[in-house]
Amino acid sequence: MTGPQAVLRDWEFTEWDSELFRRELDSFVPPQIFDAHAHLYDVSHFPPGTASAFLATGPGRADHAEYQRRIQQITPGRTTCGL
């Protein structure tokens, strides 16, 4: 899917995502993960109307707490730290 319909689902975590992790990744992703790359942001830091559609459809603020909440969805049972 391309266009606005694809963008609007970028932040949605689905059962398909959970199943993909269980089926393809769970057996070898270690209990502790070091993530050297993350994009943290606050939409209010962008001039009005300049935030990308990807950011505009996500949380208004992607801070460390939001990152941790979402990474736990993606990699359940793991501890993640990073830069």
C-alpha atoms as a PDB file:
ATOM      1  CA  MET A   1       0.000   0.000   0.000  1.00  0.00           C
ATOM      2  CA  THR A   2       1.289   3.463  -0.813  1.00  0.00           C
ATOM      3  CA  GLY A   3       0.071   6.976  -0.263  1.00  0.00           C
ATOM      4  CA  PRO A   4      -1.845   8.351   2.726  1.00  0.00           C
ATOM      5  CA  GLN A   5      -3.393   5.010   3.676  1.00  0.00           C
ATOM      6  CA  ALA A   6       0.077   3.523   4.273  1.00  0.00           C
ATOM      7  CA  VAL A   7       1.279   6.528   6.264  1.00  0.00           C
ATOM      8  CA  LEU A   8      -1.720   6.493   8.570  1.00  0.00           C
ATOM      9  CA  ARG A   9      -0.861   2.945   9.685  1.00  0.00           C
ATOM     10  CA  ASP A  10       2.863   3.522  10.321  1.00  0.00           C
ATOM     11  CA  TRP A  11       2.348   3.870  14.076  1.00  0.00           C
ATOM     12  CA  GLU A  12      -0.222   1.099  14.470  1.00  0.00           C
ATOM     13  CA  PHE A  13       1.037  -2.058  16.197  1.00  0.00           C
ATOM     14  CA  THR A  14      -0.961  -5.082  15.080  1.00  0.00           C
ATOM     15  CA  GLU A  15      -1.303  -8.771  15.779  1.00  0.00           C
ATOM     16  CA  TRP A  16       0.619  -9.316  12.537  1.00  0.00           C
ATOM     17  CA  ASP A  17       3.589  -7.479  14.100  1.00  0.00           C
ATOM     18  CA  SER A  18       3.390  -9.663  17.220  1.00  0.00           C
ATOM     19  CA  GLU A  19       3.201 -12.804  15.142  1.00  0.00           C
ATOM     20  CA  LEU A  20       6.169 -11.734  13.021  1.00  0.00           C
ATOM     21  CA  PHE A  21       8.283 -11.269  16.148  1.00  0.00           C
ATOM     22  CA  ARG A  22       7.220 -14.613  17.611  1.00  0.00           C
ATOM     23  CA  ARG A  23       7.768 -16.488  14.359  1.00  0.00           C
ATOM     24  CA  GLU A  24      10.922 -14.844  12.980  1.00  0.00           C
ATOM     25  CA  LEU A  25      12.799 -13.065  15.778  1.00  0.00           C
ATOM     26  CA  ASP A  26      11.925 -14.339  19.241  1.00  0.00           C
ATOM     27  CA  SER A  27      14.314 -17.299  19.097  1.00  0.00           C
ATOM     28  CA  PHE A  28      17.450 -15.204  18.600  1.00  0.00           C
ATOM     29  CA  VAL A  29      16.849 -11.638  19.824  1.00  0.00           C
ATOM     30  CA  PRO A  30      18.846 -11.460  23.083  1.00  0.00           C
ATOM     31  CA  PRO A  31      17.287 -10.544  26.447  1.00  0.00           C
ATOM     32  CA  GLN A  32      19.175  -7.224  26.467  1.00  0.00           C
ATOM     33  CA  ILE A  33      19.207  -5.002  23.392  1.00  0.00           C
ATOM     34  CA  PHE A  34      21.436  -1.995  22.739  1.00  0.00           C
ATOM     35  CA  ASP A  35      19.733   0.305  20.232  1.00  0.00           C
ATOM     36  CA  ALA A  36      22.234   2.748  18.750  1.00  0.00           C
ATOM     37  CA  HIS A  37      19.672   4.568  16.615  1.00  0.00           C
ATOM     38  CA  ALA A  38      16.358   6.128  17.561  1.00  0.00           C
ATOM     39  CA  HIS A  39      14.472   9.222  16.429  1.00  0.00           C
ATOM     40  CA  LEU A  40      13.074  11.148  19.389  1.00  0.00           C
ATOM     41  CA  TYR A  41      11.113  14.295  18.644  1.00  0.00           C
ATOM     42  CA  ASP A  42       8.445  16.734  19.731  1.00  0.00           C
ATOM     43  CA  VAL A  43       6.170  17.888  16.909  1.00  0.00           C
ATOM     44  CA  SER A  44       5.874  21.307  18.575  1.00  0.00           C
ATOM     45  CA  HIS A  45       9.557  21.888  17.751  1.00  0.00           C
ATOM     46  CA  PHE A  46       8.736  22.002  14.034  1.00  0.00           C
ATOM     47  CA  PRO A  47       7.391  25.177  12.438  1.00  0.00           C
ATOM     48  CA  PRO A  48       3.629  24.840  11.804  1.00  0.00           C
ATOM     49  CA  GLY A  49       2.861  22.608   8.837  1.00  0.00           C
ATOM     50  CA  THR A  50       6.434  21.349   8.358  1.00  0.00           C
ATOM     51  CA  ALA A  51       6.365  18.028  10.242  1.00  0.00           C
ATOM     52  CA  SER A  52       6.317  15.062   7.885  1.00  0.00           C
ATOM     53  CA  ALA A  53       3.137  13.025   7.497  1.00  0.00           C
ATOM     54  CA  PHE A  54       4.908  10.205   9.344  1.00  0.00           C
ATOM     55  CA  LEU A  55       5.482  12.420  12.395  1.00  0.00           C
ATOM     56  CA  ALA A  56       2.073  14.049  12.105  1.00  0.00           C
ATOM     57  CA  THR A  57       0.314  10.675  12.407  1.00  0.00           C
ATOM     58  CA  GLY A  58       2.416   9.518  15.360  1.00  0.00           C
ATOM     59  CA  PRO A  59       2.516  10.686  18.961  1.00  0.00           C
ATOM     60  CA  GLY A  60       2.988  14.419  19.429  1.00  0.00           C
ATOM     61  CA  ARG A  61       6.065  13.690  21.467  1.00  0.00           C
ATOM     62  CA  ALA A  62       8.303  10.677  20.958  1.00  0.00           C
ATOM     63  CA  ASP A  63      10.447  10.907  24.076  1.00  0.00           C
ATOM     64  CA  HIS A  64      12.337   8.169  25.921  1.00  0.00           C
ATOM     65  CA  ALA A  65       9.197   6.969  27.727  1.00  0.00           C
ATOM     66  CA  GLU A  66       7.272   6.685  24.445  1.00  0.00           C
ATOM     67  CA  TYR A  67      10.218   4.894  22.860  1.00  0.00           C
ATOM     68  CA  GLN A  68      10.345   2.384  25.729  1.00  0.00           C
ATOM     69  CA  ARG A  69       6.591   1.780  25.541  1.00  0.00           C
ATOM     70  CA  ARG A  70       6.724   1.103  21.813  1.00  0.00           C
ATOM     71  CA  ILE A  71       9.917  -0.976  21.842  1.00  0.00           C
ATOM     72  CA  GLN A  72       8.335  -3.222  24.487  1.00  0.00           C
ATOM     73  CA  GLN A  73       5.471  -3.849  22.073  1.00  0.00           C
ATOM     74  CA  ILE A  74       7.918  -4.759  19.329  1.00  0.00           C
ATOM     75  CA  THR A  75      10.358  -6.836  21.437  1.00  0.00           C
ATOM     76  CA  PRO A  76       8.345  -8.204  24.390  1.00  0.00           C
ATOM     77  CA  GLY A  77      10.278  -9.478  27.381  1.00  0.00           C
ATOM     78  CA  ARG A  78      13.473  -7.698  26.355  1.00  0.00           C
ATOM     79  CA  THR A  79      15.312  -4.853  28.081  1.00  0.00           C
ATOM     80  CA  THR A  80      16.370  -2.118  25.679  1.00  0.00           C
ATOM     81  CA  CYS A  81      18.842   0.659  26.287  1.00  0.00           C
ATOM     82  CA  GLY A  82      20.744   2.853  23.864  1.00  0.00           C
ATOM     83  CA  LEU A  83      22.338   6.108  22.968  1.00  0.00           C
END
